[in-house]
Amino acid sequence: MEYIRVLSKGVGLGYPIEILLEVGQDGYTRRKLERFADGRVALASARFAEGDTRLDEKPAPSLEEIDADPEFVAQRMTRVEFERAWNDGFLTQPARPGHG
């Protein structure tokens, strides 16, 4: 697995300011967390999706491709960092079935 943090430079209302991705060996996103300027956190996995937050139907762009876009700054993160953010995201949300 690869874990990527994406920070948005041009924040528009309703768009995430930070996106965390868990990307599988096949290049597809397994889990996604989006943080918004108003404090909301939305999560998506193969089991569920919140609001407009969804897993893409095509492979995720590489860290280098994301970072080449002037609107974003991308960096690797560890599995531990991702899991901590993922679990914290659940703590800020109403109860839901399963989270994986």
PDB file of N, CA and C in Angstrom:
ATOM      1  N   MET A   1       0.840  -1.186   0.000  1.00  0.00           N
ATOM      2  CA  MET A   1       0.000   0.000   0.000  1.00  0.00           C
ATOM      3  C   MET A   1       0.883   1.248   0.000  1.00  0.00           C
ATOM      4  N   GLU A   2       0.336   2.286  -0.583  1.00  0.00           N
ATOM      5  CA  GLU A   2       0.985   3.595  -0.573  1.00  0.00           C
ATOM      6  C   GLU A   2       0.010   4.572   0.066  1.00  0.00           C
ATOM      7  N   TYR A   3       0.530   5.486   0.847  1.00  0.00           N
ATOM      8  CA  TYR A   3      -0.309   6.471   1.544  1.00  0.00           C
ATOM      9  C   TYR A   3       0.141   7.855   1.138  1.00  0.00           C
ATOM     10  N   ILE A   4      -0.831   8.664   0.671  1.00  0.00           N
ATOM     11  CA  ILE A   4      -0.528   9.991   0.126  1.00  0.00           C
ATOM     12  C   ILE A   4      -1.404  11.042   0.798  1.00  0.00           C
ATOM     13  N   ARG A   5      -0.783  12.148   1.181  1.00  0.00           N
ATOM     14  CA  ARG A   5      -1.503  13.325   1.697  1.00  0.00           C
ATOM     15  C   ARG A   5      -1.447  14.392   0.620  1.00  0.00           C
ATOM     16  N   VAL A   6      -2.599  14.950   0.282  1.00  0.00           N
ATOM     17  CA  VAL A   6      -2.688  15.988  -0.747  1.00  0.00           C
ATOM     18  C   VAL A   6      -3.283  17.234  -0.103  1.00  0.00           C
ATOM     19  N   LEU A   7      -2.550  18.330  -0.173  1.00  0.00           N
ATOM     20  CA  LEU A   7      -3.025  19.608   0.339  1.00  0.00           C
ATOM     21  C   LEU A   7      -3.401  20.486  -0.841  1.00  0.00           C
ATOM     22  N   SER A   8      -4.553  21.140  -0.753  1.00  0.00           N
ATOM     23  CA  SER A   8      -5.022  22.007  -1.819  1.00  0.00           C
ATOM     24  C   SER A   8      -4.537  23.426  -1.580  1.00  0.00           C
ATOM     25  N   LYS A   9      -3.949  24.052  -2.608  1.00  0.00           N
ATOM     26  CA  LYS A   9      -3.483  25.435  -2.499  1.00  0.00           C
ATOM     27  C   LYS A   9      -4.620  26.413  -2.744  1.00  0.00           C
ATOM     28  N   GLY A  10      -5.496  26.086  -3.683  1.00  0.00           N
ATOM     29  CA  GLY A  10      -6.607  26.967  -4.024  1.00  0.00           C
ATOM     30  C   GLY A  10      -7.895  26.429  -3.432  1.00  0.00           C
ATOM     31  N   VAL A  11      -8.212  26.844  -2.238  1.00  0.00           N
ATOM     32  CA  VAL A  11      -9.370  26.296  -1.536  1.00  0.00           C
ATOM     33  C   VAL A  11     -10.628  27.054  -1.920  1.00  0.00           C
ATOM     34  N   GLY A  12     -11.570  26.338  -2.498  1.00  0.00           N
ATOM     35  CA  GLY A  12     -12.876  26.910  -2.788  1.00  0.00           C
ATOM     36  C   GLY A  12     -13.874  26.367  -1.793  1.00  0.00           C
ATOM     37  N   LEU A  13     -14.893  27.136  -1.504  1.00  0.00           N
ATOM     38  CA  LEU A  13     -15.910  26.696  -0.562  1.00  0.00           C
ATOM     39  C   LEU A  13     -16.516  25.383  -1.035  1.00  0.00           C
ATOM     40  N   GLY A  14     -16.580  24.421  -0.156  1.00  0.00           N
ATOM     41  CA  GLY A  14     -17.154  23.128  -0.495  1.00  0.00           C
ATOM     42  C   GLY A  14     -16.154  22.118  -1.033  1.00  0.00           C
ATOM     43  N   TYR A  15     -14.917  22.552  -1.264  1.00  0.00           N
ATOM     44  CA  TYR A  15     -13.884  21.631  -1.743  1.00  0.00           C
ATOM     45  C   TYR A  15     -12.966  21.262  -0.586  1.00  0.00           C
ATOM     46  N   PRO A  16     -12.426  20.042  -0.597  1.00  0.00           N
ATOM     47  CA  PRO A  16     -11.547  19.654   0.505  1.00  0.00           C
ATOM     48  C   PRO A  16     -10.240  20.444   0.507  1.00  0.00           C
ATOM     49  N   ILE A  17      -9.745  20.699   1.701  1.00  0.00           N
ATOM     50  CA  ILE A  17      -8.448  21.358   1.850  1.00  0.00           C
ATOM     51  C   ILE A  17      -7.335  20.331   1.987  1.00  0.00           C
ATOM     52  N   GLU A  18      -7.716  19.097   2.351  1.00  0.00           N
ATOM     53  CA  GLU A  18      -6.750  18.010   2.496  1.00  0.00           C
ATOM     54  C   GLU A  18      -7.438  16.703   2.087  1.00  0.00           C
ATOM     55  N   ILE A  19      -6.705  15.877   1.342  1.00  0.00           N
ATOM     56  CA  ILE A  19      -7.203  14.570   0.924  1.00  0.00           C
ATOM     57  C   ILE A  19      -6.139  13.541   1.285  1.00  0.00           C
ATOM     58  N   LEU A  20      -6.544  12.482   1.972  1.00  0.00           N
ATOM     59  CA  LEU A  20      -5.640  11.390   2.299  1.00  0.00           C
ATOM     60  C   LEU A  20      -6.076  10.160   1.509  1.00  0.00           C
ATOM     61  N   LEU A  21      -5.116   9.496   0.877  1.00  0.00           N
ATOM     62  CA  LEU A  21      -5.411   8.344   0.039  1.00  0.00           C
ATOM     63  C   LEU A  21      -4.629   7.119   0.488  1.00  0.00           C
ATOM     64  N   GLU A  22      -5.310   5.985   0.503  1.00  0.00           N
ATOM     65  CA  GLU A  22      -4.652   4.691   0.654  1.00  0.00           C
ATOM     66  C   GLU A  22      -4.762   4.032  -0.717  1.00  0.00           C
ATOM     67  N   VAL A  23      -3.609   3.789  -1.348  1.00  0.00           N
ATOM     68  CA  VAL A  23      -3.583   3.267  -2.717  1.00  0.00           C
ATOM     69  C   VAL A  23      -3.004   1.855  -2.701  1.00  0.00           C
ATOM     70  N   GLY A  24      -3.739   0.920  -3.313  1.00  0.00           N
ATOM     71  CA  GLY A  24      -3.308  -0.475  -3.364  1.00  0.00           C
ATOM     72  C   GLY A  24      -2.224  -0.721  -4.396  1.00  0.00           C
ATOM     73  N   GLN A  25      -1.682  -1.936  -4.388  1.00  0.00           N
ATOM     74  CA  GLN A  25      -0.637  -2.323  -5.339  1.00  0.00           C
ATOM     75  C   GLN A  25      -1.097  -2.177  -6.782  1.00  0.00           C
ATOM     76  N   ASP A  26      -2.412  -2.297  -7.011  1.00  0.00           N
ATOM     77  CA  ASP A  26      -2.961  -2.188  -8.365  1.00  0.00           C
ATOM     78  C   ASP A  26      -3.151  -0.740  -8.812  1.00  0.00           C
ATOM     79  N   GLY A  27      -2.834   0.211  -7.925  1.00  0.00           N
ATOM     80  CA  GLY A  27      -2.935   1.628  -8.273  1.00  0.00           C
ATOM     81  C   GLY A  27      -4.293   2.249  -7.973  1.00  0.00           C
ATOM     82  N   TYR A  28      -5.247   1.461  -7.503  1.00  0.00           N
ATOM     83  CA  TYR A  28      -6.577   1.987  -7.187  1.00  0.00           C
ATOM     84  C   TYR A  28      -6.657   2.415  -5.728  1.00  0.00           C
ATOM     85  N   THR A  29      -7.395   3.482  -5.482  1.00  0.00           N
ATOM     86  CA  THR A  29      -7.585   3.976  -4.127  1.00  0.00           C
ATOM     87  C   THR A  29      -8.481   3.010  -3.354  1.00  0.00           C
ATOM     88  N   ARG A  30      -8.041   2.597  -2.186  1.00  0.00           N
ATOM     89  CA  ARG A  30      -8.796   1.689  -1.317  1.00  0.00           C
ATOM     90  C   ARG A  30      -9.654   2.462  -0.315  1.00  0.00           C
ATOM     91  N   ARG A  31      -9.065   3.531   0.219  1.00  0.00           N
ATOM     92  CA  ARG A  31      -9.787   4.384   1.166  1.00  0.00           C
ATOM     93  C   ARG A  31      -9.377   5.828   0.917  1.00  0.00           C
ATOM     94  N   LYS A  32     -10.319   6.731   1.188  1.00  0.00           N
ATOM     95  CA  LYS A  32     -10.082   8.156   0.982  1.00  0.00           C
ATOM     96  C   LYS A  32     -10.710   8.932   2.139  1.00  0.00           C
ATOM     97  N   LEU A  33      -9.982   9.933   2.618  1.00  0.00           N
ATOM     98  CA  LEU A  33     -10.477  10.838   3.647  1.00  0.00           C
ATOM     99  C   LEU A  33     -10.335  12.254   3.119  1.00  0.00           C
ATOM    100  N   GLU A  34     -11.398  13.042   3.225  1.00  0.00           N
ATOM    101  CA  GLU A  34     -11.349  14.443   2.809  1.00  0.00           C
ATOM    102  C   GLU A  34     -11.687  15.330   3.992  1.00  0.00           C
ATOM    103  N   ARG A  35     -10.847  16.348   4.229  1.00  0.00           N
ATOM    104  CA  ARG A  35     -11.101  17.355   5.273  1.00  0.00           C
ATOM    105  C   ARG A  35     -11.483  18.660   4.587  1.00  0.00           C
ATOM    106  N   PHE A  36     -12.470  19.336   5.161  1.00  0.00           N
ATOM    107  CA  PHE A  36     -12.962  20.587   4.602  1.00  0.00           C
ATOM    108  C   PHE A  36     -12.637  21.742   5.536  1.00  0.00           C
ATOM    109  N   ALA A  37     -12.617  22.954   4.991  1.00  0.00           N
ATOM    110  CA  ALA A  37     -12.262  24.152   5.754  1.00  0.00           C
ATOM    111  C   ALA A  37     -13.185  24.360   6.951  1.00  0.00           C
ATOM    112  N   ASP A  38     -14.438  23.922   6.846  1.00  0.00           N
ATOM    113  CA  ASP A  38     -15.376  24.114   7.952  1.00  0.00           C
ATOM    114  C   ASP A  38     -15.259  23.042   9.035  1.00  0.00           C
ATOM    115  N   GLY A  39     -14.263  22.147   8.909  1.00  0.00           N
ATOM    116  CA  GLY A  39     -14.035  21.128   9.924  1.00  0.00           C
ATOM    117  C   GLY A  39     -14.649  19.770   9.612  1.00  0.00           C
ATOM    118  N   ARG A  40     -15.500  19.712   8.586  1.00  0.00           N
ATOM    119  CA  ARG A  40     -16.095  18.423   8.228  1.00  0.00           C
ATOM    120  C   ARG A  40     -15.031  17.460   7.721  1.00  0.00           C
ATOM    121  N   VAL A  41     -15.277  16.179   7.971  1.00  0.00           N
ATOM    122  CA  VAL A  41     -14.438  15.107   7.458  1.00  0.00           C
ATOM    123  C   VAL A  41     -15.367  14.113   6.776  1.00  0.00           C
ATOM    124  N   ALA A  42     -15.030  13.707   5.552  1.00  0.00           N
ATOM    125  CA  ALA A  42     -15.822  12.718   4.825  1.00  0.00           C
ATOM    126  C   ALA A  42     -14.912  11.556   4.446  1.00  0.00           C
ATOM    127  N   LEU A  43     -15.446  10.349   4.554  1.00  0.00           N
ATOM    128  CA  LEU A  43     -14.686   9.136   4.309  1.00  0.00           C
ATOM    129  C   LEU A  43     -15.329   8.315   3.198  1.00  0.00           C
ATOM    130  N   ALA A  44     -14.499   7.549   2.488  1.00  0.00           N
ATOM    131  CA  ALA A  44     -15.023   6.634   1.473  1.00  0.00           C
ATOM    132  C   ALA A  44     -14.143   5.386   1.435  1.00  0.00           C
ATOM    133  N   SER A  45     -14.791   4.255   1.247  1.00  0.00           N
ATOM    134  CA  SER A  45     -14.101   2.981   1.058  1.00  0.00           C
ATOM    135  C   SER A  45     -14.972   2.142   0.136  1.00  0.00           C
ATOM    136  N   ALA A  46     -14.587   0.899  -0.071  1.00  0.00           N
ATOM    137  CA  ALA A  46     -15.405   0.006  -0.900  1.00  0.00           C
ATOM    138  C   ALA A  46     -16.752  -0.275  -0.242  1.00  0.00           C
ATOM    139  N   ARG A  47     -16.846  -0.092   1.073  1.00  0.00           N
ATOM    140  CA  ARG A  47     -18.075  -0.399   1.820  1.00  0.00           C
ATOM    141  C   ARG A  47     -19.056   0.758   1.924  1.00  0.00           C
ATOM    142  N   PHE A  48     -18.572   1.991   1.846  1.00  0.00           N
ATOM    143  CA  PHE A  48     -19.456   3.145   2.018  1.00  0.00           C
ATOM    144  C   PHE A  48     -18.811   4.403   1.457  1.00  0.00           C
ATOM    145  N   ALA A  49     -19.633   5.414   1.281  1.00  0.00           N
ATOM    146  CA  ALA A  49     -19.158   6.725   0.850  1.00  0.00           C
ATOM    147  C   ALA A  49     -20.054   7.774   1.479  1.00  0.00           C
ATOM    148  N   GLU A  50     -19.459   8.896   1.873  1.00  0.00           N
ATOM    149  CA  GLU A  50     -20.201   9.985   2.507  1.00  0.00           C
ATOM    150  C   GLU A  50     -20.285  11.183   1.574  1.00  0.00           C
ATOM    151  N   GLY A  51     -21.478  11.733   1.446  1.00  0.00           N
ATOM    152  CA  GLY A  51     -21.659  12.925   0.632  1.00  0.00           C
ATOM    153  C   GLY A  51     -21.132  12.721  -0.770  1.00  0.00           C
ATOM    154  N   ASP A  52     -20.326  13.654  -1.241  1.00  0.00           N
ATOM    155  CA  ASP A  52     -19.750  13.567  -2.582  1.00  0.00           C
ATOM    156  C   ASP A  52     -18.412  12.839  -2.600  1.00  0.00           C
ATOM    157  N   THR A  53     -17.941  12.406  -1.442  1.00  0.00           N
ATOM    158  CA  THR A  53     -16.657  11.712  -1.360  1.00  0.00           C
ATOM    159  C   THR A  53     -16.826  10.283  -1.853  1.00  0.00           C
ATOM    160  N   ARG A  54     -16.094   9.953  -2.896  1.00  0.00           N
ATOM    161  CA  ARG A  54     -16.194   8.633  -3.529  1.00  0.00           C
ATOM    162  C   ARG A  54     -14.803   8.151  -3.921  1.00  0.00           C
ATOM    163  N   LEU A  55     -14.663   6.841  -4.062  1.00  0.00           N
ATOM    164  CA  LEU A  55     -13.446   6.283  -4.632  1.00  0.00           C
ATOM    165  C   LEU A  55     -13.535   6.430  -6.140  1.00  0.00           C
ATOM    166  N   ASP A  56     -12.414   6.736  -6.764  1.00  0.00           N
ATOM    167  CA  ASP A  56     -12.379   6.880  -8.216  1.00  0.00           C
ATOM    168  C   ASP A  56     -12.491   5.521  -8.890  1.00  0.00           C
ATOM    169  N   GLU A  57     -13.053   5.507 -10.083  1.00  0.00           N
ATOM    170  CA  GLU A  57     -13.198   4.269 -10.842  1.00  0.00           C
ATOM    171  C   GLU A  57     -11.980   3.978 -11.704  1.00  0.00           C
ATOM    172  N   LYS A  58     -11.009   4.868 -11.672  1.00  0.00           N
ATOM    173  CA  LYS A  58      -9.766   4.659 -12.428  1.00  0.00           C
ATOM    174  C   LYS A  58      -8.599   4.722 -11.450  1.00  0.00           C
ATOM    175  N   PRO A  59      -7.430   4.228 -11.848  1.00  0.00           N
ATOM    176  CA  PRO A  59      -6.278   4.252 -10.938  1.00  0.00           C
ATOM    177  C   PRO A  59      -5.959   5.674 -10.459  1.00  0.00           C
ATOM    178  N   ALA A  60      -5.457   5.758  -9.243  1.00  0.00           N
ATOM    179  CA  ALA A  60      -5.068   7.048  -8.672  1.00  0.00           C
ATOM    180  C   ALA A  60      -3.828   7.569  -9.390  1.00  0.00           C
ATOM    181  N   PRO A  61      -3.745   8.884  -9.570  1.00  0.00           N
ATOM    182  CA  PRO A  61      -2.507   9.434 -10.130  1.00  0.00           C
ATOM    183  C   PRO A  61      -1.358   9.215  -9.142  1.00  0.00           C
ATOM    184  N   SER A  62      -0.152   9.170  -9.654  1.00  0.00           N
ATOM    185  CA  SER A  62       1.017   8.994  -8.787  1.00  0.00           C
ATOM    186  C   SER A  62       1.232  10.261  -7.955  1.00  0.00           C
ATOM    187  N   LEU A  63       2.006  10.115  -6.915  1.00  0.00           N
ATOM    188  CA  LEU A  63       2.354  11.263  -6.075  1.00  0.00           C
ATOM    189  C   LEU A  63       3.002  12.344  -6.937  1.00  0.00           C
ATOM    190  N   GLU A  64       3.860  11.956  -7.842  1.00  0.00           N
ATOM    191  CA  GLU A  64       4.546  12.912  -8.706  1.00  0.00           C
ATOM    192  C   GLU A  64       3.567  13.647  -9.628  1.00  0.00           C
ATOM    193  N   GLU A  65       2.582  12.921 -10.159  1.00  0.00           N
ATOM    194  CA  GLU A  65       1.571  13.548 -11.018  1.00  0.00           C
ATOM    195  C   GLU A  65       0.727  14.555 -10.229  1.00  0.00           C
ATOM    196  N   ILE A  66       0.340  14.178  -9.029  1.00  0.00           N
ATOM    197  CA  ILE A  66      -0.455  15.092  -8.195  1.00  0.00           C
ATOM    198  C   ILE A  66       0.363  16.333  -7.871  1.00  0.00           C
ATOM    199  N   ASP A  67       1.600  16.120  -7.456  1.00  0.00           N
ATOM    200  CA  ASP A  67       2.459  17.230  -7.035  1.00  0.00           C
ATOM    201  C   ASP A  67       2.815  18.152  -8.205  1.00  0.00           C
ATOM    202  N   ALA A  68       2.751  17.660  -9.432  1.00  0.00           N
ATOM    203  CA  ALA A  68       3.039  18.485 -10.607  1.00  0.00           C
ATOM    204  C   ALA A  68       1.915  19.482 -10.894  1.00  0.00           C
ATOM    205  N   ASP A  69       0.733  19.234 -10.352  1.00  0.00           N
ATOM    206  CA  ASP A  69      -0.403  20.148 -10.530  1.00  0.00           C
ATOM    207  C   ASP A  69      -0.195  21.349  -9.606  1.00  0.00           C
ATOM    208  N   PRO A  70      -0.195  22.572 -10.137  1.00  0.00           N
ATOM    209  CA  PRO A  70       0.070  23.741  -9.296  1.00  0.00           C
ATOM    210  C   PRO A  70      -0.968  23.984  -8.206  1.00  0.00           C
ATOM    211  N   GLU A  71      -2.111  23.323  -8.273  1.00  0.00           N
ATOM    212  CA  GLU A  71      -3.154  23.495  -7.256  1.00  0.00           C
ATOM    213  C   GLU A  71      -2.918  22.660  -6.007  1.00  0.00           C
ATOM    214  N   PHE A  72      -1.976  21.691  -6.087  1.00  0.00           N
ATOM    215  CA  PHE A  72      -1.814  20.742  -4.992  1.00  0.00           C
ATOM    216  C   PHE A  72      -0.376  20.567  -4.561  1.00  0.00           C
ATOM    217  N   VAL A  73      -0.211  20.143  -3.316  1.00  0.00           N
ATOM    218  CA  VAL A  73       1.072  19.698  -2.782  1.00  0.00           C
ATOM    219  C   VAL A  73       0.826  18.288  -2.267  1.00  0.00           C
ATOM    220  N   ALA A  74       1.591  17.323  -2.771  1.00  0.00           N
ATOM    221  CA  ALA A  74       1.410  15.929  -2.371  1.00  0.00           C
ATOM    222  C   ALA A  74       2.654  15.444  -1.643  1.00  0.00           C
ATOM    223  N   GLN A  75       2.448  14.581  -0.661  1.00  0.00           N
ATOM    224  CA  GLN A  75       3.556  13.999   0.082  1.00  0.00           C
ATOM    225  C   GLN A  75       3.173  12.612   0.569  1.00  0.00           C
ATOM    226  N   ARG A  76       4.180  11.786   0.716  1.00  0.00           N
ATOM    227  CA  ARG A  76       3.936  10.451   1.258  1.00  0.00           C
ATOM    228  C   ARG A  76       3.652  10.570   2.751  1.00  0.00           C
ATOM    229  N   MET A  77       2.890   9.617   3.235  1.00  0.00           N
ATOM    230  CA  MET A  77       2.665   9.521   4.663  1.00  0.00           C
ATOM    231  C   MET A  77       2.779   8.054   5.048  1.00  0.00           C
ATOM    232  N   THR A  78       2.902   7.772   6.327  1.00  0.00           N
ATOM    233  CA  THR A  78       3.020   6.387   6.767  1.00  0.00           C
ATOM    234  C   THR A  78       1.638   5.768   6.965  1.00  0.00           C
ATOM    235  N   ARG A  79       1.616   4.458   7.018  1.00  0.00           N
ATOM    236  CA  ARG A  79       0.369   3.747   7.288  1.00  0.00           C
ATOM    237  C   ARG A  79      -0.178   4.170   8.651  1.00  0.00           C
ATOM    238  N   VAL A  80       0.701   4.311   9.623  1.00  0.00           N
ATOM    239  CA  VAL A  80       0.279   4.708  10.972  1.00  0.00           C
ATOM    240  C   VAL A  80      -0.390   6.076  10.941  1.00  0.00           C
ATOM    241  N   GLU A  81       0.195   7.023  10.220  1.00  0.00           N
ATOM    242  CA  GLU A  81      -0.403   8.357  10.106  1.00  0.00           C
ATOM    243  C   GLU A  81      -1.780   8.284   9.439  1.00  0.00           C
ATOM    244  N   PHE A  82      -1.878   7.476   8.373  1.00  0.00           N
ATOM    245  CA  PHE A  82      -3.159   7.347   7.684  1.00  0.00           C
ATOM    246  C   PHE A  82      -4.201   6.718   8.605  1.00  0.00           C
ATOM    247  N   GLU A  83      -3.840   5.632   9.267  1.00  0.00           N
ATOM    248  CA  GLU A  83      -4.791   4.941  10.158  1.00  0.00           C
ATOM    249  C   GLU A  83      -5.263   5.856  11.280  1.00  0.00           C
ATOM    250  N   ARG A  84      -4.352   6.645  11.815  1.00  0.00           N
ATOM    251  CA  ARG A  84      -4.724   7.581  12.882  1.00  0.00           C
ATOM    252  C   ARG A  84      -5.749   8.592  12.365  1.00  0.00           C
ATOM    253  N   ALA A  85      -5.496   9.151  11.184  1.00  0.00           N
ATOM    254  CA  ALA A  85      -6.427  10.122  10.600  1.00  0.00           C
ATOM    255  C   ALA A  85      -7.761   9.452  10.267  1.00  0.00           C
ATOM    256  N   TRP A  86      -7.718   8.234   9.729  1.00  0.00           N
ATOM    257  CA  TRP A  86      -8.931   7.491   9.370  1.00  0.00           C
ATOM    258  C   TRP A  86      -9.784   7.248  10.620  1.00  0.00           C
ATOM    259  N   ASN A  87      -9.145   6.765  11.676  1.00  0.00           N
ATOM    260  CA  ASN A  87      -9.884   6.498  12.919  1.00  0.00           C
ATOM    261  C   ASN A  87     -10.398   7.780  13.556  1.00  0.00           C
ATOM    262  N   ASP A  88      -9.595   8.839  13.523  1.00  0.00           N
ATOM    263  CA  ASP A  88     -10.054  10.137  14.033  1.00  0.00           C
ATOM    264  C   ASP A  88     -11.252  10.628  13.223  1.00  0.00           C
ATOM    265  N   GLY A  89     -11.247  10.392  11.914  1.00  0.00           N
ATOM    266  CA  GLY A  89     -12.367  10.773  11.060  1.00  0.00           C
ATOM    267  C   GLY A  89     -13.647  10.089  11.501  1.00  0.00           C
ATOM    268  N   PHE A  90     -13.542   8.844  11.925  1.00  0.00           N
ATOM    269  CA  PHE A  90     -14.724   8.136  12.411  1.00  0.00           C
ATOM    270  C   PHE A  90     -15.217   8.698  13.723  1.00  0.00           C
ATOM    271  N   LEU A  91     -14.310   9.147  14.542  1.00  0.00           N
ATOM    272  CA  LEU A  91     -14.715   9.700  15.836  1.00  0.00           C
ATOM    273  C   LEU A  91     -15.472  11.010  15.688  1.00  0.00           C
ATOM    274  N   THR A  92     -15.271  11.710  14.580  1.00  0.00           N
ATOM    275  CA  THR A  92     -15.947  12.992  14.370  1.00  0.00           C
ATOM    276  C   THR A  92     -17.259  12.842  13.619  1.00  0.00           C
ATOM    277  N   GLN A  93     -17.596  11.604  13.238  1.00  0.00           N
ATOM    278  CA  GLN A  93     -18.787  11.355  12.433  1.00  0.00           C
ATOM    279  C   GLN A  93     -19.855  10.631  13.253  1.00  0.00           C
ATOM    280  N   PRO A  94     -21.114  10.700  12.810  1.00  0.00           N
ATOM    281  CA  PRO A  94     -22.166   9.903  13.434  1.00  0.00           C
ATOM    282  C   PRO A  94     -21.851   8.410  13.244  1.00  0.00           C
ATOM    283  N   ALA A  95     -22.436   7.570  14.076  1.00  0.00           N
ATOM    284  CA  ALA A  95     -22.210   6.128  13.996  1.00  0.00           C
ATOM    285  C   ALA A  95     -22.627   5.606  12.631  1.00  0.00           C
ATOM    286  N   ARG A  96     -21.851   4.643  12.115  1.00  0.00           N
ATOM    287  CA  ARG A  96     -22.163   4.023  10.834  1.00  0.00           C
ATOM    288  C   ARG A  96     -21.708   2.566  10.904  1.00  0.00           C
ATOM    289  N   PRO A  97     -22.245   1.710  10.064  1.00  0.00           N
ATOM    290  CA  PRO A  97     -21.825   0.313  10.083  1.00  0.00           C
ATOM    291  C   PRO A  97     -20.419   0.151   9.507  1.00  0.00           C
ATOM    292  N   GLY A  98     -19.567  -0.619  10.170  1.00  0.00           N
ATOM    293  CA  GLY A  98     -18.226  -0.945   9.678  1.00  0.00           C
ATOM    294  C   GLY A  98     -17.437   0.227   9.145  1.00  0.00           C
ATOM    295  N   HIS A  99     -16.144   0.149   9.133  1.00  0.00           N
ATOM    296  CA  HIS A  99     -15.326   1.243   8.595  1.00  0.00           C
ATOM    297  C   HIS A  99     -14.106   0.746   7.855  1.00  0.00           C
ATOM    298  N   GLY A 100     -14.256  -0.209   7.007  1.00  0.00           N
ATOM    299  CA  GLY A 100     -13.066  -0.672   6.297  1.00  0.00           C
ATOM    300  C   GLY A 100     -13.307  -0.917   4.925  1.00  0.00           C
TER     301      GLY A 100
END
